[in-house]
């Protein structure tokens, strides 16, 4: 496929605009979902939902998912010396804390 210079310029311009808009789309999505920091919902006490921000996975360059649970579930998990792994699927023992049954 042979392109003339005006087609190449138009393609370059379009791709540049597309790549420049990606950070603003990411920012808008983060603001709509509560941002990248952990955040509790408006519910009160142990029934409030807390979302842990994505964590760096050990087996990939990709970040794991945001993990959301009630504050009660987070507290129960941490009381056992456990935390949700970066992949968001399993639990891991927190270093320095003994795991309880």
C-alpha atoms as a PDB file:
ATOM      1  CA  UNK A   1       0.000   0.000   0.000  1.00  0.00           C
ATOM      2  CA  UNK A   2       1.487   3.295  -1.073  1.00  0.00           C
ATOM      3  CA  UNK A   3       0.509   6.472   0.809  1.00  0.00           C
ATOM      4  CA  UNK A   4       1.041  10.003  -0.321  1.00  0.00           C
ATOM      5  CA  UNK A   5       2.435  12.610   2.071  1.00  0.00           C
ATOM      6  CA  UNK A   6      -0.961  14.103   3.010  1.00  0.00           C
ATOM      7  CA  UNK A   7      -2.273  10.669   3.997  1.00  0.00           C
ATOM      8  CA  UNK A   8       0.837  10.053   6.099  1.00  0.00           C
ATOM      9  CA  UNK A   9       0.419  13.439   7.795  1.00  0.00           C
ATOM     10  CA  UNK A  10      -3.245  12.745   8.528  1.00  0.00           C
ATOM     11  CA  UNK A  11      -2.426   9.329   9.943  1.00  0.00           C
ATOM     12  CA  UNK A  12       0.380  10.746  12.087  1.00  0.00           C
ATOM     13  CA  UNK A  13      -1.858  13.535  13.356  1.00  0.00           C
ATOM     14  CA  UNK A  14      -4.679  11.103  14.204  1.00  0.00           C
ATOM     15  CA  UNK A  15      -2.386   8.705  16.057  1.00  0.00           C
ATOM     16  CA  UNK A  16      -0.780  11.562  17.979  1.00  0.00           C
ATOM     17  CA  UNK A  17      -4.157  12.850  19.125  1.00  0.00           C
ATOM     18  CA  UNK A  18      -5.233   9.356  20.104  1.00  0.00           C
ATOM     19  CA  UNK A  19      -2.121   8.748  22.235  1.00  0.00           C
ATOM     20  CA  UNK A  20      -2.293  12.187  23.833  1.00  0.00           C
ATOM     21  CA  UNK A  21      -5.886  11.574  24.924  1.00  0.00           C
ATOM     22  CA  UNK A  22      -5.141   8.268  26.723  1.00  0.00           C
ATOM     23  CA  UNK A  23      -3.835   9.813  29.987  1.00  0.00           C
ATOM     24  CA  UNK A  24      -6.892  12.050  30.296  1.00  0.00           C
ATOM     25  CA  UNK A  25      -9.201   9.072  29.737  1.00  0.00           C
ATOM     26  CA  UNK A  26      -7.345   7.122  32.430  1.00  0.00           C
ATOM     27  CA  UNK A  27      -7.616  10.051  34.833  1.00  0.00           C
ATOM     28  CA  UNK A  28     -11.337  10.411  34.144  1.00  0.00           C
ATOM     29  CA  UNK A  29     -11.872   6.693  34.780  1.00  0.00           C
ATOM     30  CA  UNK A  30      -9.862   6.832  38.034  1.00  0.00           C
ATOM     31  CA  UNK A  31     -11.921   9.786  39.255  1.00  0.00           C
ATOM     32  CA  UNK A  32     -15.169   8.032  38.369  1.00  0.00           C
ATOM     33  CA  UNK A  33     -14.170   4.834  40.214  1.00  0.00           C
ATOM     34  CA  UNK A  34     -12.748   6.469  43.315  1.00  0.00           C
ATOM     35  CA  UNK A  35      -9.189   6.970  42.147  1.00  0.00           C
ATOM     36  CA  UNK A  36      -6.134   4.825  42.629  1.00  0.00           C
ATOM     37  CA  UNK A  37      -6.133   5.083  46.400  1.00  0.00           C
ATOM     38  CA  UNK A  38      -8.154   2.806  48.627  1.00  0.00           C
ATOM     39  CA  UNK A  39     -11.488   4.302  49.477  1.00  0.00           C
ATOM     40  CA  UNK A  40     -14.427   3.372  51.685  1.00  0.00           C
ATOM     41  CA  UNK A  41     -18.001   3.903  50.584  1.00  0.00           C
ATOM     42  CA  UNK A  42     -20.552   6.029  52.435  1.00  0.00           C
ATOM     43  CA  UNK A  43     -21.787   3.057  54.474  1.00  0.00           C
ATOM     44  CA  UNK A  44     -20.808   3.204  58.118  1.00  0.00           C
ATOM     45  CA  UNK A  45     -18.820   0.864  60.333  1.00  0.00           C
ATOM     46  CA  UNK A  46     -17.968  -2.682  59.403  1.00  0.00           C
ATOM     47  CA  UNK A  47     -20.468  -2.721  56.524  1.00  0.00           C
ATOM     48  CA  UNK A  48     -18.570  -0.043  54.590  1.00  0.00           C
ATOM     49  CA  UNK A  49     -16.856  -1.275  51.438  1.00  0.00           C
ATOM     50  CA  UNK A  50     -13.099  -0.670  51.213  1.00  0.00           C
ATOM     51  CA  UNK A  51     -11.340  -1.047  47.860  1.00  0.00           C
ATOM     52  CA  UNK A  52      -7.619  -1.743  47.935  1.00  0.00           C
ATOM     53  CA  UNK A  53      -5.843  -0.246  44.944  1.00  0.00           C
ATOM     54  CA  UNK A  54      -4.180  -2.570  42.415  1.00  0.00           C
ATOM     55  CA  UNK A  55      -0.928  -4.165  43.603  1.00  0.00           C
ATOM     56  CA  UNK A  56       2.154  -5.108  41.580  1.00  0.00           C
ATOM     57  CA  UNK A  57       2.055  -8.807  40.711  1.00  0.00           C
ATOM     58  CA  UNK A  58       5.217 -10.867  41.197  1.00  0.00           C
ATOM     59  CA  UNK A  59       4.558 -13.058  38.151  1.00  0.00           C
ATOM     60  CA  UNK A  60       3.825 -10.270  35.674  1.00  0.00           C
ATOM     61  CA  UNK A  61       4.520  -6.680  34.778  1.00  0.00           C
ATOM     62  CA  UNK A  62       0.777  -6.110  34.928  1.00  0.00           C
ATOM     63  CA  UNK A  63      -0.937  -4.816  38.030  1.00  0.00           C
ATOM     64  CA  UNK A  64      -3.450  -6.993  39.808  1.00  0.00           C
ATOM     65  CA  UNK A  65      -7.088  -6.011  40.165  1.00  0.00           C
ATOM     66  CA  UNK A  66      -8.587  -3.574  42.635  1.00  0.00           C
ATOM     67  CA  UNK A  67      -9.983  -5.683  45.503  1.00  0.00           C
ATOM     68  CA  UNK A  68     -13.183  -4.563  47.270  1.00  0.00           C
ATOM     69  CA  UNK A  69     -14.593  -6.107  50.453  1.00  0.00           C
ATOM     70  CA  UNK A  70     -16.418  -4.939  53.537  1.00  0.00           C
ATOM     71  CA  UNK A  71     -14.309  -3.497  56.326  1.00  0.00           C
ATOM     72  CA  UNK A  72     -15.408  -6.449  58.486  1.00  0.00           C
ATOM     73  CA  UNK A  73     -13.976  -8.959  55.975  1.00  0.00           C
ATOM     74  CA  UNK A  74     -10.704  -7.004  55.727  1.00  0.00           C
ATOM     75  CA  UNK A  75     -10.430  -6.904  59.537  1.00  0.00           C
ATOM     76  CA  UNK A  76     -11.176 -10.642  59.872  1.00  0.00           C
ATOM     77  CA  UNK A  77      -8.570 -11.445  57.235  1.00  0.00           C
ATOM     78  CA  UNK A  78      -5.915  -9.243  58.852  1.00  0.00           C
ATOM     79  CA  UNK A  79      -6.712 -10.667  62.316  1.00  0.00           C
ATOM     80  CA  UNK A  80      -5.716 -14.071  60.919  1.00  0.00           C
ATOM     81  CA  UNK A  81      -2.394 -12.643  59.697  1.00  0.00           C
ATOM     82  CA  UNK A  82      -3.527 -12.855  56.063  1.00  0.00           C
ATOM     83  CA  UNK A  83      -4.028 -10.467  53.184  1.00  0.00           C
ATOM     84  CA  UNK A  84      -5.371 -10.758  49.638  1.00  0.00           C
ATOM     85  CA  UNK A  85      -2.582 -11.543  47.177  1.00  0.00           C
ATOM     86  CA  UNK A  86      -1.717  -9.144  44.367  1.00  0.00           C
ATOM     87  CA  UNK A  87      -3.622 -11.333  41.882  1.00  0.00           C
ATOM     88  CA  UNK A  88      -6.807 -10.712  43.878  1.00  0.00           C
ATOM     89  CA  UNK A  89      -7.658 -14.442  43.876  1.00  0.00           C
ATOM     90  CA  UNK A  90      -5.957 -15.958  46.907  1.00  0.00           C
ATOM     91  CA  UNK A  91      -4.717 -15.068  50.386  1.00  0.00           C
ATOM     92  CA  UNK A  92      -1.144 -14.811  51.583  1.00  0.00           C
ATOM     93  CA  UNK A  93       0.386 -14.638  55.039  1.00  0.00           C
ATOM     94  CA  UNK A  94       1.500 -11.150  56.011  1.00  0.00           C
ATOM     95  CA  UNK A  95       5.204 -11.142  56.844  1.00  0.00           C
ATOM     96  CA  UNK A  96       5.967 -10.535  60.512  1.00  0.00           C
ATOM     97  CA  UNK A  97       2.538 -11.661  61.727  1.00  0.00           C
ATOM     98  CA  UNK A  98       1.805 -15.201  62.820  1.00  0.00           C
ATOM     99  CA  UNK A  99      -1.130 -16.781  61.031  1.00  0.00           C
ATOM    100  CA  UNK A 100      -3.916 -17.823  63.359  1.00  0.00           C
ATOM    101  CA  UNK A 101      -6.353 -20.673  62.616  1.00  0.00           C
END
